[in-house]
Amino acid sequence: MVPTVIDDDRAAADAVNRRTMSGYVTLPSYRSYWREAGYAEEMTAIEAALAARERDRLPELLPDRWLHDVTLSGSVAQVREGLEAWADMGVLPIAVMSSTSGGQAKAIGELFAAYA
């Protein structure tokens, strides 16, 4: 399952994914996985923020490099290319849609429109 946001304003799409992923990085099992996947420094910073009860800082501690490895965001073309790249690696991604301008139903409509 890949958090996905379609928006030509990639920074806005990334902001939505950062909010989504802020919940996941609070879970030790996810942090352990990402640490092993090469994001030790990022996970250490998140653990320090959690220990300091600074949960509101989590989105700012999620760098683009990490975010773009674990989510999809951007224009229709960028999201389609990302889904295709994962499929080419043998991973059948399930896009879990969010939107910068509406609820999940709108986001799913954006995905359907991307393939219309």
N, C-alpha and C. Protein backbone atom coordinates (compact mmCIF):
# COMPACT_ATOMS: atom_id res chain seq x y z
N MET A 1 0.85 -1.17 0.00
CA MET A 1 0.00 0.00 0.00
C MET A 1 0.89 1.23 0.00
N VAL A 2 0.64 2.10 -0.95
CA VAL A 2 1.48 3.27 -1.14
C VAL A 2 0.63 4.54 -1.01
N PRO A 3 0.87 5.35 0.03
CA PRO A 3 0.17 6.63 0.11
C PRO A 3 0.45 7.43 -1.16
N THR A 4 -0.62 7.92 -1.81
CA THR A 4 -0.50 8.55 -3.11
C THR A 4 -1.35 9.81 -3.17
N VAL A 5 -0.75 10.89 -3.69
CA VAL A 5 -1.47 12.15 -3.89
C VAL A 5 -1.14 12.68 -5.27
N ILE A 6 -2.18 12.93 -6.07
CA ILE A 6 -2.00 13.51 -7.39
C ILE A 6 -2.27 15.00 -7.30
N ASP A 7 -1.26 15.78 -7.64
CA ASP A 7 -1.39 17.24 -7.69
C ASP A 7 -0.18 17.78 -8.44
N ASP A 8 -0.40 18.69 -9.37
CA ASP A 8 0.72 19.29 -10.10
C ASP A 8 1.66 20.04 -9.17
N ASP A 9 1.13 20.49 -8.03
CA ASP A 9 1.96 21.14 -7.01
C ASP A 9 2.52 20.04 -6.12
N ARG A 10 3.70 19.54 -6.48
CA ARG A 10 4.26 18.40 -5.76
C ARG A 10 4.52 18.73 -4.29
N ALA A 11 4.89 19.95 -3.99
CA ALA A 11 5.12 20.32 -2.59
C ALA A 11 3.83 20.17 -1.78
N ALA A 12 2.70 20.55 -2.35
CA ALA A 12 1.42 20.40 -1.66
C ALA A 12 1.08 18.92 -1.49
N ALA A 13 1.33 18.12 -2.52
CA ALA A 13 1.09 16.68 -2.44
C ALA A 13 1.99 16.05 -1.39
N ASP A 14 3.26 16.45 -1.38
CA ASP A 14 4.19 15.93 -0.38
C ASP A 14 3.74 16.28 1.03
N ALA A 15 3.19 17.46 1.22
CA ALA A 15 2.74 17.86 2.55
C ALA A 15 1.63 16.93 3.06
N VAL A 16 0.74 16.53 2.16
CA VAL A 16 -0.32 15.59 2.55
C VAL A 16 0.31 14.25 2.93
N ASN A 17 1.25 13.77 2.10
CA ASN A 17 1.90 12.49 2.42
C ASN A 17 2.72 12.57 3.69
N ARG A 18 3.33 13.70 3.95
CA ARG A 18 4.09 13.85 5.21
C ARG A 18 3.17 13.72 6.42
N ARG A 19 2.00 14.32 6.33
CA ARG A 19 1.03 14.19 7.44
C ARG A 19 0.63 12.72 7.62
N THR A 20 0.37 12.05 6.51
CA THR A 20 -0.01 10.63 6.57
C THR A 20 1.11 9.81 7.19
N MET A 21 2.33 10.01 6.70
CA MET A 21 3.45 9.18 7.14
C MET A 21 3.91 9.53 8.55
N SER A 22 3.54 10.69 9.05
CA SER A 22 3.89 11.06 10.43
C SER A 22 3.30 10.06 11.43
N GLY A 23 2.17 9.50 11.13
CA GLY A 23 1.60 8.47 12.01
C GLY A 23 2.38 7.17 11.96
N TYR A 24 2.82 6.80 10.77
CA TYR A 24 3.55 5.54 10.62
C TYR A 24 4.91 5.57 11.31
N VAL A 25 5.59 6.70 11.27
CA VAL A 25 6.92 6.76 11.88
C VAL A 25 6.87 6.73 13.40
N THR A 26 5.70 6.84 13.98
CA THR A 26 5.60 6.70 15.44
C THR A 26 5.64 5.24 15.85
N LEU A 27 5.49 4.33 14.90
CA LEU A 27 5.44 2.89 15.20
C LEU A 27 6.83 2.27 15.11
N PRO A 28 7.29 1.64 16.18
CA PRO A 28 8.65 1.08 16.19
C PRO A 28 8.94 0.10 15.06
N SER A 29 7.98 -0.70 14.67
CA SER A 29 8.22 -1.69 13.62
C SER A 29 8.52 -1.01 12.28
N TYR A 30 7.81 0.06 11.97
CA TYR A 30 8.08 0.80 10.73
C TYR A 30 9.44 1.47 10.81
N ARG A 31 9.76 2.09 11.95
CA ARG A 31 11.06 2.75 12.08
C ARG A 31 12.19 1.74 11.92
N SER A 32 12.02 0.56 12.49
CA SER A 32 13.04 -0.47 12.38
C SER A 32 13.25 -0.87 10.92
N TYR A 33 12.17 -1.04 10.21
CA TYR A 33 12.26 -1.38 8.78
C TYR A 33 13.01 -0.29 8.02
N TRP A 34 12.60 0.96 8.21
CA TRP A 34 13.21 2.07 7.46
C TRP A 34 14.67 2.28 7.87
N ARG A 35 14.97 2.01 9.12
CA ARG A 35 16.37 2.08 9.56
C ARG A 35 17.20 1.07 8.76
N GLU A 36 16.71 -0.16 8.67
CA GLU A 36 17.41 -1.21 7.93
C GLU A 36 17.46 -0.91 6.43
N ALA A 37 16.50 -0.15 5.93
CA ALA A 37 16.43 0.18 4.51
C ALA A 37 17.33 1.36 4.14
N GLY A 38 18.08 1.88 5.13
CA GLY A 38 19.03 2.94 4.82
C GLY A 38 18.68 4.31 5.34
N TYR A 39 17.71 4.39 6.20
CA TYR A 39 17.28 5.69 6.74
C TYR A 39 17.52 5.78 8.24
N ALA A 40 18.68 5.31 8.69
CA ALA A 40 18.99 5.30 10.12
C ALA A 40 19.01 6.70 10.72
N GLU A 41 19.66 7.63 10.04
CA GLU A 41 19.76 9.00 10.57
C GLU A 41 18.38 9.63 10.72
N GLU A 42 17.53 9.42 9.74
CA GLU A 42 16.17 9.99 9.80
C GLU A 42 15.37 9.37 10.94
N MET A 43 15.49 8.07 11.12
CA MET A 43 14.73 7.40 12.18
C MET A 43 15.25 7.78 13.57
N THR A 44 16.55 8.00 13.67
CA THR A 44 17.12 8.46 14.94
C THR A 44 16.57 9.84 15.30
N ALA A 45 16.48 10.72 14.32
CA ALA A 45 15.93 12.07 14.56
C ALA A 45 14.46 11.98 14.98
N ILE A 46 13.73 11.09 14.36
CA ILE A 46 12.32 10.92 14.72
C ILE A 46 12.20 10.37 16.14
N GLU A 47 13.02 9.41 16.48
CA GLU A 47 12.98 8.87 17.84
C GLU A 47 13.32 9.93 18.88
N ALA A 48 14.26 10.80 18.56
CA ALA A 48 14.60 11.89 19.48
C ALA A 48 13.42 12.84 19.65
N ALA A 49 12.73 13.16 18.56
CA ALA A 49 11.57 14.04 18.65
C ALA A 49 10.46 13.37 19.46
N LEU A 50 10.25 12.10 19.25
CA LEU A 50 9.22 11.38 20.02
C LEU A 50 9.57 11.35 21.50
N ALA A 51 10.85 11.11 21.81
CA ALA A 51 11.28 11.08 23.21
C ALA A 51 11.10 12.44 23.87
N ALA A 52 11.27 13.50 23.09
CA ALA A 52 11.11 14.86 23.61
C ALA A 52 9.66 15.33 23.57
N ARG A 53 8.77 14.42 23.18
CA ARG A 53 7.33 14.74 23.06
C ARG A 53 7.09 15.89 22.08
N GLU A 54 7.85 15.87 21.00
CA GLU A 54 7.73 16.90 19.95
C GLU A 54 7.15 16.28 18.69
N ARG A 55 6.03 15.63 18.84
CA ARG A 55 5.38 14.95 17.73
C ARG A 55 5.02 15.89 16.59
N ASP A 56 4.75 17.15 16.89
CA ASP A 56 4.40 18.12 15.85
C ASP A 56 5.56 18.38 14.90
N ARG A 57 6.78 18.00 15.27
CA ARG A 57 7.96 18.19 14.43
C ARG A 57 8.14 17.07 13.40
N LEU A 58 7.39 15.98 13.54
CA LEU A 58 7.62 14.82 12.68
C LEU A 58 7.58 15.14 11.18
N PRO A 59 6.58 15.88 10.68
CA PRO A 59 6.58 16.14 9.24
C PRO A 59 7.86 16.81 8.73
N GLU A 60 8.43 17.70 9.50
CA GLU A 60 9.66 18.38 9.06
C GLU A 60 10.87 17.46 9.10
N LEU A 61 10.76 16.34 9.79
CA LEU A 61 11.87 15.39 9.89
C LEU A 61 11.82 14.30 8.82
N LEU A 62 10.84 14.40 7.92
CA LEU A 62 10.67 13.42 6.85
C LEU A 62 11.17 14.03 5.54
N PRO A 63 12.42 13.78 5.19
CA PRO A 63 13.02 14.42 4.01
C PRO A 63 12.44 13.88 2.69
N ASP A 64 12.57 14.68 1.65
CA ASP A 64 12.06 14.29 0.33
C ASP A 64 12.61 12.95 -0.11
N ARG A 65 13.89 12.70 0.10
CA ARG A 65 14.51 11.45 -0.35
C ARG A 65 13.75 10.24 0.21
N TRP A 66 13.47 10.27 1.50
CA TRP A 66 12.72 9.19 2.14
C TRP A 66 11.27 9.19 1.65
N LEU A 67 10.64 10.36 1.67
CA LEU A 67 9.23 10.46 1.31
C LEU A 67 8.97 9.92 -0.09
N HIS A 68 9.84 10.27 -1.02
CA HIS A 68 9.64 9.83 -2.41
C HIS A 68 9.96 8.36 -2.61
N ASP A 69 10.64 7.74 -1.67
CA ASP A 69 10.87 6.30 -1.73
C ASP A 69 9.69 5.50 -1.18
N VAL A 70 8.89 6.10 -0.30
CA VAL A 70 7.83 5.33 0.36
C VAL A 70 6.42 5.80 0.01
N THR A 71 6.31 6.88 -0.76
CA THR A 71 5.00 7.38 -1.19
C THR A 71 5.10 7.79 -2.66
N LEU A 72 3.97 8.12 -3.23
CA LEU A 72 3.92 8.69 -4.58
C LEU A 72 3.21 10.02 -4.51
N SER A 73 3.73 10.98 -5.26
CA SER A 73 3.12 12.30 -5.27
C SER A 73 3.50 13.02 -6.55
N GLY A 74 2.70 14.01 -6.88
CA GLY A 74 3.00 14.86 -8.03
C GLY A 74 1.93 14.78 -9.09
N SER A 75 2.34 15.15 -10.29
CA SER A 75 1.43 15.20 -11.43
C SER A 75 0.92 13.80 -11.78
N VAL A 76 -0.08 13.77 -12.65
CA VAL A 76 -0.58 12.48 -13.14
C VAL A 76 0.56 11.67 -13.72
N ALA A 77 1.39 12.30 -14.53
CA ALA A 77 2.50 11.59 -15.17
C ALA A 77 3.47 11.04 -14.12
N GLN A 78 3.80 11.84 -13.10
CA GLN A 78 4.73 11.38 -12.07
C GLN A 78 4.16 10.19 -11.29
N VAL A 79 2.89 10.24 -10.96
CA VAL A 79 2.28 9.15 -10.20
C VAL A 79 2.17 7.90 -11.07
N ARG A 80 1.76 8.06 -12.31
CA ARG A 80 1.68 6.89 -13.21
C ARG A 80 3.06 6.27 -13.39
N GLU A 81 4.08 7.10 -13.59
CA GLU A 81 5.45 6.59 -13.74
C GLU A 81 5.90 5.86 -12.48
N GLY A 82 5.54 6.40 -11.32
CA GLY A 82 5.91 5.75 -10.06
C GLY A 82 5.24 4.40 -9.89
N LEU A 83 3.95 4.33 -10.20
CA LEU A 83 3.23 3.05 -10.11
C LEU A 83 3.82 2.04 -11.09
N GLU A 84 4.14 2.49 -12.30
CA GLU A 84 4.73 1.60 -13.30
C GLU A 84 6.11 1.13 -12.88
N ALA A 85 6.91 2.03 -12.28
CA ALA A 85 8.26 1.65 -11.84
C ALA A 85 8.18 0.56 -10.77
N TRP A 86 7.25 0.70 -9.82
CA TRP A 86 7.11 -0.33 -8.79
C TRP A 86 6.68 -1.64 -9.44
N ALA A 87 5.73 -1.58 -10.37
CA ALA A 87 5.27 -2.79 -11.05
C ALA A 87 6.40 -3.44 -11.83
N ASP A 88 7.25 -2.63 -12.46
CA ASP A 88 8.40 -3.16 -13.21
C ASP A 88 9.38 -3.90 -12.30
N MET A 89 9.41 -3.54 -11.02
CA MET A 89 10.29 -4.22 -10.06
C MET A 89 9.62 -5.47 -9.48
N GLY A 90 8.40 -5.74 -9.91
CA GLY A 90 7.69 -6.92 -9.41
C GLY A 90 6.80 -6.65 -8.22
N VAL A 91 6.60 -5.39 -7.88
CA VAL A 91 5.74 -5.01 -6.77
C VAL A 91 4.42 -4.50 -7.34
N LEU A 92 3.33 -5.09 -6.93
CA LEU A 92 2.02 -4.62 -7.36
C LEU A 92 1.52 -3.62 -6.32
N PRO A 93 1.77 -2.32 -6.56
CA PRO A 93 1.41 -1.33 -5.55
C PRO A 93 -0.10 -1.10 -5.49
N ILE A 94 -0.58 -0.88 -4.29
CA ILE A 94 -1.96 -0.48 -4.08
C ILE A 94 -1.91 0.98 -3.66
N ALA A 95 -2.42 1.86 -4.51
CA ALA A 95 -2.40 3.29 -4.23
C ALA A 95 -3.48 3.61 -3.19
N VAL A 96 -3.05 4.13 -2.05
CA VAL A 96 -3.97 4.59 -1.02
C VAL A 96 -4.05 6.10 -1.20
N MET A 97 -5.18 6.52 -1.74
CA MET A 97 -5.30 7.88 -2.23
C MET A 97 -5.70 8.90 -1.16
N SER A 98 -5.06 10.07 -1.27
CA SER A 98 -5.44 11.27 -0.53
C SER A 98 -5.43 12.40 -1.54
N SER A 99 -6.00 13.53 -1.17
CA SER A 99 -6.08 14.67 -2.07
C SER A 99 -5.67 15.95 -1.35
N THR A 100 -5.18 16.88 -2.11
CA THR A 100 -4.85 18.19 -1.55
C THR A 100 -6.08 19.09 -1.50
N SER A 101 -7.17 18.68 -2.17
CA SER A 101 -8.32 19.58 -2.29
C SER A 101 -9.66 18.91 -2.00
N GLY A 102 -9.65 17.77 -1.33
CA GLY A 102 -10.90 17.10 -1.03
C GLY A 102 -10.65 15.83 -0.26
N GLY A 103 -11.70 15.06 -0.10
CA GLY A 103 -11.61 13.82 0.64
C GLY A 103 -11.13 12.66 -0.21
N GLN A 104 -11.23 11.46 0.37
CA GLN A 104 -10.72 10.29 -0.30
C GLN A 104 -11.51 9.97 -1.57
N ALA A 105 -12.80 10.22 -1.58
CA ALA A 105 -13.59 9.96 -2.79
C ALA A 105 -13.08 10.82 -3.95
N LYS A 106 -12.76 12.07 -3.68
CA LYS A 106 -12.20 12.94 -4.72
C LYS A 106 -10.85 12.39 -5.18
N ALA A 107 -10.03 11.95 -4.23
CA ALA A 107 -8.72 11.43 -4.56
C ALA A 107 -8.81 10.18 -5.43
N ILE A 108 -9.74 9.31 -5.13
CA ILE A 108 -9.93 8.11 -5.95
C ILE A 108 -10.39 8.49 -7.34
N GLY A 109 -11.26 9.50 -7.42
CA GLY A 109 -11.67 10.01 -8.73
C GLY A 109 -10.50 10.54 -9.53
N GLU A 110 -9.55 11.18 -8.85
CA GLU A 110 -8.35 11.69 -9.53
C GLU A 110 -7.53 10.55 -10.10
N LEU A 111 -7.44 9.44 -9.36
CA LEU A 111 -6.71 8.28 -9.85
C LEU A 111 -7.41 7.67 -11.06
N PHE A 112 -8.73 7.52 -10.98
CA PHE A 112 -9.48 6.98 -12.12
C PHE A 112 -9.29 7.88 -13.34
N ALA A 113 -9.35 9.19 -13.15
CA ALA A 113 -9.16 10.14 -14.26
C ALA A 113 -7.77 10.02 -14.87
N ALA A 114 -6.79 9.67 -14.05
CA ALA A 114 -5.42 9.52 -14.55
C ALA A 114 -5.29 8.38 -15.55
N TYR A 115 -6.21 7.44 -15.48
CA TYR A 115 -6.16 6.28 -16.37
C TYR A 115 -7.33 6.25 -17.36
N ALA A 116 -8.09 7.33 -17.42
CA ALA A 116 -9.25 7.39 -18.34
C ALA A 116 -8.79 7.59 -19.78
